Amino acid sequence: MRFETKIAVVIRDELDVWQKLNVAAFLSGGLVGLHPELPGEPYVDADGQRYGPLVRQPILVFAATGAELARTLRRSRGRGLVPSIYTRELFSTSHDAANRGAVAAVPTDALDLVGLALHGDRKAVDKVIDGLRLHP
């Protein structure tokens, strides 16, 4: 099935594996909060046991340098997309209010991005992520 929208998660390539997984999980959750149409229906197995829904379309994960993440953020703003972001400072905070405070304290161009996630029109997202490689 081909979707008219695309989900892309871009992760800083030099992070430790646990950090990459943590960032990807937080960013994916952020997209679901921003785009409530993303989750599908709950799952039910043959025994009638219920499970939570999943995002209804593929999530492509890309690797990027710090400069590539900054470029991706600029491009997303230029295309009118609202990204979810994760900055390096968030590894040392312990709750959502502290996370928002850490981001609010830094000007856009000085954000130390370690991850970014986008959902939007397929063509717009493709233009924003152009030049990035899928995460190995």
N, C-alpha and C. Protein backbone atom coordinates (compact mmCIF):
# COMPACT_ATOMS: atom_id res chain seq x y z
N MET A 1 0.84 -1.18 0.00
CA MET A 1 0.00 0.00 0.00
C MET A 1 0.89 1.25 0.00
N ARG A 2 0.55 2.18 -0.83
CA ARG A 2 1.30 3.44 -0.88
C ARG A 2 0.50 4.52 -0.15
N PHE A 3 1.13 5.15 0.82
CA PHE A 3 0.48 6.20 1.60
C PHE A 3 0.77 7.55 0.97
N GLU A 4 -0.17 8.47 1.11
CA GLU A 4 0.05 9.83 0.62
C GLU A 4 0.89 10.65 1.58
N THR A 5 1.04 10.15 2.80
CA THR A 5 1.88 10.81 3.79
C THR A 5 3.09 9.94 4.08
N LYS A 6 4.05 10.52 4.77
CA LYS A 6 5.28 9.80 5.10
C LYS A 6 5.68 10.16 6.52
N ILE A 7 6.25 9.17 7.22
CA ILE A 7 6.81 9.39 8.55
C ILE A 7 8.30 9.13 8.46
N ALA A 8 9.08 10.11 8.90
CA ALA A 8 10.54 9.97 8.91
C ALA A 8 11.05 10.35 10.30
N VAL A 9 11.91 9.50 10.84
CA VAL A 9 12.59 9.78 12.10
C VAL A 9 14.07 9.86 11.75
N VAL A 10 14.71 10.95 12.15
CA VAL A 10 16.11 11.18 11.83
C VAL A 10 16.89 11.20 13.15
N ILE A 11 17.89 10.33 13.26
CA ILE A 11 18.63 10.15 14.50
C ILE A 11 20.11 10.47 14.29
N ARG A 12 20.69 11.17 15.23
CA ARG A 12 22.12 11.51 15.18
C ARG A 12 22.94 10.23 15.17
N ASP A 13 23.82 10.10 14.20
CA ASP A 13 24.53 8.83 13.97
C ASP A 13 25.53 8.45 15.05
N GLU A 14 26.08 9.41 15.82
CA GLU A 14 27.13 9.05 16.77
C GLU A 14 26.62 8.69 18.16
N LEU A 15 25.32 8.63 18.35
CA LEU A 15 24.77 8.29 19.67
C LEU A 15 25.00 6.82 20.01
N ASP A 16 24.99 6.52 21.32
CA ASP A 16 25.01 5.12 21.76
C ASP A 16 23.69 4.47 21.34
N VAL A 17 23.70 3.16 21.21
CA VAL A 17 22.50 2.44 20.77
C VAL A 17 21.31 2.74 21.68
N TRP A 18 21.52 2.71 23.01
CA TRP A 18 20.39 2.96 23.91
C TRP A 18 19.82 4.35 23.70
N GLN A 19 20.69 5.32 23.38
CA GLN A 19 20.23 6.69 23.15
C GLN A 19 19.41 6.76 21.86
N LYS A 20 19.87 6.09 20.82
CA LYS A 20 19.14 6.08 19.55
C LYS A 20 17.74 5.50 19.73
N LEU A 21 17.66 4.39 20.45
CA LEU A 21 16.36 3.76 20.68
C LEU A 21 15.45 4.66 21.52
N ASN A 22 16.02 5.29 22.54
CA ASN A 22 15.27 6.19 23.40
C ASN A 22 14.73 7.37 22.60
N VAL A 23 15.58 7.98 21.80
CA VAL A 23 15.18 9.13 21.00
C VAL A 23 14.10 8.73 20.00
N ALA A 24 14.27 7.61 19.31
CA ALA A 24 13.27 7.16 18.33
C ALA A 24 11.92 6.92 18.99
N ALA A 25 11.93 6.33 20.19
CA ALA A 25 10.67 6.06 20.90
C ALA A 25 9.99 7.37 21.29
N PHE A 26 10.73 8.31 21.88
CA PHE A 26 10.14 9.59 22.27
C PHE A 26 9.60 10.34 21.06
N LEU A 27 10.37 10.37 19.97
CA LEU A 27 9.93 11.11 18.79
C LEU A 27 8.69 10.50 18.16
N SER A 28 8.63 9.18 18.10
CA SER A 28 7.45 8.51 17.53
C SER A 28 6.21 8.83 18.36
N GLY A 29 6.37 8.80 19.69
CA GLY A 29 5.25 9.17 20.56
C GLY A 29 4.83 10.62 20.34
N GLY A 30 5.81 11.49 20.13
CA GLY A 30 5.51 12.89 19.86
C GLY A 30 4.69 13.08 18.59
N LEU A 31 5.02 12.31 17.56
CA LEU A 31 4.25 12.41 16.32
C LEU A 31 2.82 11.97 16.51
N VAL A 32 2.62 10.90 17.29
CA VAL A 32 1.26 10.42 17.54
C VAL A 32 0.47 11.47 18.31
N GLY A 33 1.13 12.16 19.23
CA GLY A 33 0.46 13.24 19.95
C GLY A 33 0.09 14.41 19.04
N LEU A 34 0.94 14.71 18.09
CA LEU A 34 0.72 15.82 17.17
C LEU A 34 -0.26 15.45 16.05
N HIS A 35 -0.29 14.18 15.68
CA HIS A 35 -1.13 13.70 14.58
C HIS A 35 -1.98 12.54 15.06
N PRO A 36 -3.11 12.80 15.71
CA PRO A 36 -3.92 11.74 16.32
C PRO A 36 -4.50 10.74 15.31
N GLU A 37 -4.37 11.01 14.04
CA GLU A 37 -4.86 10.07 13.03
C GLU A 37 -3.86 8.94 12.76
N LEU A 38 -2.66 9.01 13.32
CA LEU A 38 -1.63 8.01 13.03
C LEU A 38 -1.89 6.61 13.59
N PRO A 39 -2.41 6.47 14.81
CA PRO A 39 -2.61 5.09 15.30
C PRO A 39 -3.72 4.37 14.53
N GLY A 40 -3.50 3.06 14.35
CA GLY A 40 -4.52 2.23 13.75
C GLY A 40 -5.48 1.74 14.82
N GLU A 41 -6.13 0.63 14.54
CA GLU A 41 -7.07 0.02 15.48
C GLU A 41 -6.32 -0.91 16.43
N PRO A 42 -6.90 -1.16 17.62
CA PRO A 42 -6.28 -2.12 18.54
C PRO A 42 -6.20 -3.51 17.91
N TYR A 43 -5.27 -4.32 18.40
CA TYR A 43 -5.10 -5.69 17.93
C TYR A 43 -5.80 -6.65 18.88
N VAL A 44 -6.28 -7.76 18.34
CA VAL A 44 -6.89 -8.82 19.14
C VAL A 44 -6.37 -10.14 18.60
N ASP A 45 -5.86 -11.02 19.49
CA ASP A 45 -5.37 -12.31 19.02
C ASP A 45 -6.51 -13.34 18.96
N ALA A 46 -6.21 -14.54 18.53
CA ALA A 46 -7.21 -15.59 18.35
C ALA A 46 -7.90 -15.98 19.65
N ASP A 47 -7.28 -15.71 20.79
CA ASP A 47 -7.90 -16.00 22.09
C ASP A 47 -8.72 -14.83 22.63
N GLY A 48 -8.82 -13.76 21.85
CA GLY A 48 -9.59 -12.60 22.27
C GLY A 48 -8.81 -11.64 23.16
N GLN A 49 -7.52 -11.87 23.33
CA GLN A 49 -6.68 -10.98 24.14
C GLN A 49 -6.45 -9.69 23.36
N ARG A 50 -6.68 -8.54 24.00
CA ARG A 50 -6.54 -7.23 23.33
C ARG A 50 -5.13 -6.68 23.51
N TYR A 51 -4.69 -5.93 22.50
CA TYR A 51 -3.39 -5.26 22.51
C TYR A 51 -3.58 -3.86 21.98
N GLY A 52 -2.66 -2.99 22.30
CA GLY A 52 -2.75 -1.61 21.84
C GLY A 52 -2.52 -1.47 20.34
N PRO A 53 -2.96 -0.36 19.78
CA PRO A 53 -2.75 -0.11 18.35
C PRO A 53 -1.30 0.24 18.06
N LEU A 54 -0.95 0.13 16.80
CA LEU A 54 0.35 0.57 16.30
C LEU A 54 0.13 1.73 15.34
N VAL A 55 1.18 2.44 15.03
CA VAL A 55 1.10 3.47 13.99
C VAL A 55 0.72 2.75 12.69
N ARG A 56 -0.18 3.32 11.94
CA ARG A 56 -0.79 2.62 10.80
C ARG A 56 0.02 2.63 9.51
N GLN A 57 1.18 3.26 9.52
CA GLN A 57 2.00 3.26 8.32
C GLN A 57 3.47 3.11 8.71
N PRO A 58 4.31 2.73 7.76
CA PRO A 58 5.74 2.54 8.08
C PRO A 58 6.39 3.82 8.59
N ILE A 59 7.36 3.63 9.47
CA ILE A 59 8.19 4.72 9.97
C ILE A 59 9.60 4.46 9.46
N LEU A 60 10.10 5.35 8.64
CA LEU A 60 11.45 5.21 8.09
C LEU A 60 12.43 5.94 9.01
N VAL A 61 13.51 5.26 9.37
CA VAL A 61 14.49 5.83 10.30
C VAL A 61 15.78 6.11 9.54
N PHE A 62 16.24 7.35 9.64
CA PHE A 62 17.43 7.80 8.93
C PHE A 62 18.52 8.18 9.93
N ALA A 63 19.77 8.09 9.49
CA ALA A 63 20.92 8.51 10.28
C ALA A 63 21.39 9.87 9.75
N ALA A 64 21.90 10.70 10.65
CA ALA A 64 22.34 12.03 10.23
C ALA A 64 23.42 12.55 11.17
N THR A 65 24.21 13.45 10.64
CA THR A 65 25.17 14.20 11.47
C THR A 65 24.42 15.37 12.10
N GLY A 66 25.09 16.07 12.99
CA GLY A 66 24.48 17.26 13.59
C GLY A 66 24.13 18.31 12.54
N ALA A 67 25.02 18.51 11.58
CA ALA A 67 24.76 19.48 10.52
C ALA A 67 23.57 19.06 9.66
N GLU A 68 23.46 17.76 9.39
CA GLU A 68 22.33 17.28 8.59
C GLU A 68 21.00 17.43 9.34
N LEU A 69 21.05 17.21 10.66
CA LEU A 69 19.83 17.42 11.46
C LEU A 69 19.41 18.90 11.43
N ALA A 70 20.37 19.81 11.57
CA ALA A 70 20.07 21.24 11.52
C ALA A 70 19.47 21.61 10.16
N ARG A 71 20.04 21.07 9.10
CA ARG A 71 19.52 21.32 7.75
C ARG A 71 18.10 20.77 7.61
N THR A 72 17.85 19.59 8.17
CA THR A 72 16.53 18.98 8.10
C THR A 72 15.51 19.82 8.84
N LEU A 73 15.90 20.37 9.99
CA LEU A 73 15.00 21.25 10.74
C LEU A 73 14.67 22.50 9.91
N ARG A 74 15.68 23.12 9.31
CA ARG A 74 15.44 24.32 8.48
C ARG A 74 14.52 23.99 7.32
N ARG A 75 14.77 22.88 6.66
CA ARG A 75 13.94 22.48 5.52
C ARG A 75 12.50 22.21 5.96
N SER A 76 12.33 21.58 7.11
CA SER A 76 10.97 21.27 7.56
C SER A 76 10.18 22.55 7.82
N ARG A 77 10.82 23.53 8.44
CA ARG A 77 10.15 24.81 8.67
C ARG A 77 9.81 25.48 7.35
N GLY A 78 10.71 25.38 6.38
CA GLY A 78 10.47 25.97 5.06
C GLY A 78 9.32 25.32 4.30
N ARG A 79 8.98 24.11 4.66
CA ARG A 79 7.88 23.39 4.01
C ARG A 79 6.62 23.40 4.86
N GLY A 80 6.65 24.14 5.97
CA GLY A 80 5.46 24.24 6.81
C GLY A 80 5.17 23.01 7.65
N LEU A 81 6.16 22.13 7.82
CA LEU A 81 5.98 20.93 8.64
C LEU A 81 6.38 21.25 10.08
N VAL A 82 5.69 20.65 11.03
CA VAL A 82 6.01 20.83 12.45
C VAL A 82 6.68 19.55 12.94
N PRO A 83 7.99 19.58 13.15
CA PRO A 83 8.68 18.38 13.60
C PRO A 83 8.59 18.19 15.12
N SER A 84 8.75 16.97 15.54
CA SER A 84 9.04 16.68 16.95
C SER A 84 10.56 16.67 17.04
N ILE A 85 11.12 17.25 18.10
CA ILE A 85 12.58 17.29 18.23
C ILE A 85 13.03 16.69 19.55
N TYR A 86 14.28 16.28 19.57
CA TYR A 86 14.94 15.80 20.79
C TYR A 86 16.34 16.38 20.77
N THR A 87 16.69 17.10 21.83
CA THR A 87 18.02 17.71 21.91
C THR A 87 18.89 16.96 22.91
N ARG A 88 20.18 17.14 22.80
CA ARG A 88 21.13 16.46 23.68
C ARG A 88 20.83 16.74 25.16
N GLU A 89 20.38 17.94 25.47
CA GLU A 89 20.09 18.31 26.86
C GLU A 89 19.02 17.42 27.49
N LEU A 90 18.15 16.85 26.68
CA LEU A 90 17.05 16.04 27.22
C LEU A 90 17.52 14.73 27.82
N PHE A 91 18.75 14.31 27.53
CA PHE A 91 19.29 13.11 28.18
C PHE A 91 19.52 13.34 29.68
N SER A 92 19.61 14.60 30.09
CA SER A 92 19.91 14.89 31.50
C SER A 92 18.71 15.46 32.25
N THR A 93 17.55 15.52 31.63
CA THR A 93 16.34 15.97 32.32
C THR A 93 15.52 14.75 32.72
N SER A 94 14.55 14.95 33.60
CA SER A 94 13.85 13.78 34.11
C SER A 94 12.34 13.79 33.92
N HIS A 95 11.80 14.85 33.31
CA HIS A 95 10.35 14.88 33.08
C HIS A 95 10.02 15.90 31.99
N ASP A 96 8.76 15.83 31.55
CA ASP A 96 8.33 16.61 30.39
C ASP A 96 8.50 18.12 30.58
N ALA A 97 8.15 18.65 31.74
CA ALA A 97 8.29 20.10 31.96
C ALA A 97 9.75 20.52 31.88
N ALA A 98 10.65 19.71 32.43
CA ALA A 98 12.08 20.02 32.36
C ALA A 98 12.57 19.94 30.91
N ASN A 99 12.05 18.98 30.16
CA ASN A 99 12.41 18.86 28.74
C ASN A 99 12.03 20.12 27.98
N ARG A 100 10.79 20.56 28.16
CA ARG A 100 10.33 21.77 27.46
C ARG A 100 11.14 22.98 27.89
N GLY A 101 11.49 23.06 29.17
CA GLY A 101 12.31 24.17 29.66
C GLY A 101 13.70 24.17 29.03
N ALA A 102 14.28 22.98 28.87
CA ALA A 102 15.61 22.87 28.25
C ALA A 102 15.58 23.34 26.80
N VAL A 103 14.52 23.01 26.08
CA VAL A 103 14.40 23.45 24.69
C VAL A 103 14.13 24.95 24.63
N ALA A 104 13.26 25.44 25.51
CA ALA A 104 12.89 26.86 25.51
C ALA A 104 14.08 27.78 25.81
N ALA A 105 15.10 27.26 26.47
CA ALA A 105 16.26 28.07 26.85
C ALA A 105 17.26 28.29 25.72
N VAL A 106 17.05 27.63 24.57
CA VAL A 106 18.04 27.65 23.50
C VAL A 106 17.41 28.20 22.21
N PRO A 107 18.06 29.17 21.56
CA PRO A 107 17.54 29.66 20.28
C PRO A 107 17.55 28.54 19.22
N THR A 108 16.66 28.63 18.27
CA THR A 108 16.49 27.60 17.24
C THR A 108 17.81 27.18 16.61
N ASP A 109 18.58 28.15 16.16
CA ASP A 109 19.82 27.82 15.44
C ASP A 109 20.90 27.23 16.34
N ALA A 110 20.73 27.29 17.66
CA ALA A 110 21.71 26.74 18.59
C ALA A 110 21.28 25.41 19.20
N LEU A 111 20.10 24.91 18.81
CA LEU A 111 19.64 23.63 19.35
C LEU A 111 20.62 22.53 18.99
N ASP A 112 21.02 21.72 19.98
CA ASP A 112 21.93 20.59 19.76
C ASP A 112 21.06 19.37 19.49
N LEU A 113 20.56 19.29 18.27
CA LEU A 113 19.62 18.22 17.89
C LEU A 113 20.29 16.86 17.86
N VAL A 114 19.62 15.88 18.44
CA VAL A 114 20.05 14.48 18.31
C VAL A 114 18.98 13.65 17.62
N GLY A 115 17.81 14.24 17.41
CA GLY A 115 16.75 13.54 16.70
C GLY A 115 15.63 14.47 16.31
N LEU A 116 14.93 14.06 15.26
CA LEU A 116 13.84 14.86 14.72
C LEU A 116 12.89 13.90 14.01
N ALA A 117 11.60 14.13 14.12
CA ALA A 117 10.62 13.27 13.45
C ALA A 117 9.61 14.14 12.71
N LEU A 118 9.18 13.64 11.56
CA LEU A 118 8.25 14.37 10.70
C LEU A 118 7.14 13.46 10.22
N HIS A 119 5.96 14.04 10.06
CA HIS A 119 4.86 13.38 9.36
C HIS A 119 4.22 14.43 8.50
N GLY A 120 3.99 14.11 7.25
CA GLY A 120 3.35 15.05 6.36
C GLY A 120 3.22 14.48 4.97
N ASP A 121 2.82 15.34 4.05
CA ASP A 121 2.71 14.95 2.66
C ASP A 121 4.00 14.28 2.20
N ARG A 122 3.86 13.16 1.53
CA ARG A 122 5.02 12.35 1.10
C ARG A 122 6.06 13.20 0.36
N LYS A 123 5.61 14.00 -0.59
CA LYS A 123 6.55 14.79 -1.39
C LYS A 123 7.27 15.84 -0.54
N ALA A 124 6.54 16.46 0.38
CA ALA A 124 7.17 17.47 1.24
C ALA A 124 8.22 16.83 2.15
N VAL A 125 7.89 15.68 2.75
CA VAL A 125 8.85 15.00 3.63
C VAL A 125 10.05 14.54 2.81
N ASP A 126 9.82 14.03 1.61
CA ASP A 126 10.94 13.61 0.75
C ASP A 126 11.90 14.77 0.47
N LYS A 127 11.36 15.96 0.23
CA LYS A 127 12.22 17.13 -0.01
C LYS A 127 13.03 17.49 1.24
N VAL A 128 12.42 17.35 2.40
CA VAL A 128 13.08 17.71 3.66
C VAL A 128 14.22 16.74 3.98
N ILE A 129 14.01 15.45 3.72
CA ILE A 129 15.01 14.44 4.09
C ILE A 129 15.96 14.10 2.95
N ASP A 130 15.84 14.79 1.83
CA ASP A 130 16.69 14.51 0.67
C ASP A 130 18.17 14.53 1.08
N GLY A 131 18.89 13.50 0.70
CA GLY A 131 20.33 13.41 0.98
C GLY A 131 20.64 12.58 2.23
N LEU A 132 19.64 12.27 3.03
CA LEU A 132 19.89 11.43 4.22
C LEU A 132 19.86 9.97 3.82
N ARG A 133 20.55 9.14 4.63
CA ARG A 133 20.58 7.70 4.36
C ARG A 133 19.79 6.97 5.44
N LEU A 134 19.15 5.87 5.04
CA LEU A 134 18.44 5.05 6.01
C LEU A 134 19.41 4.59 7.08
N HIS A 135 18.94 4.52 8.30
CA HIS A 135 19.79 4.07 9.41
C HIS A 135 20.17 2.61 9.19
N PRO A 136 21.47 2.29 9.37
CA PRO A 136 21.86 0.88 9.14
C PRO A 136 21.29 -0.05 10.20
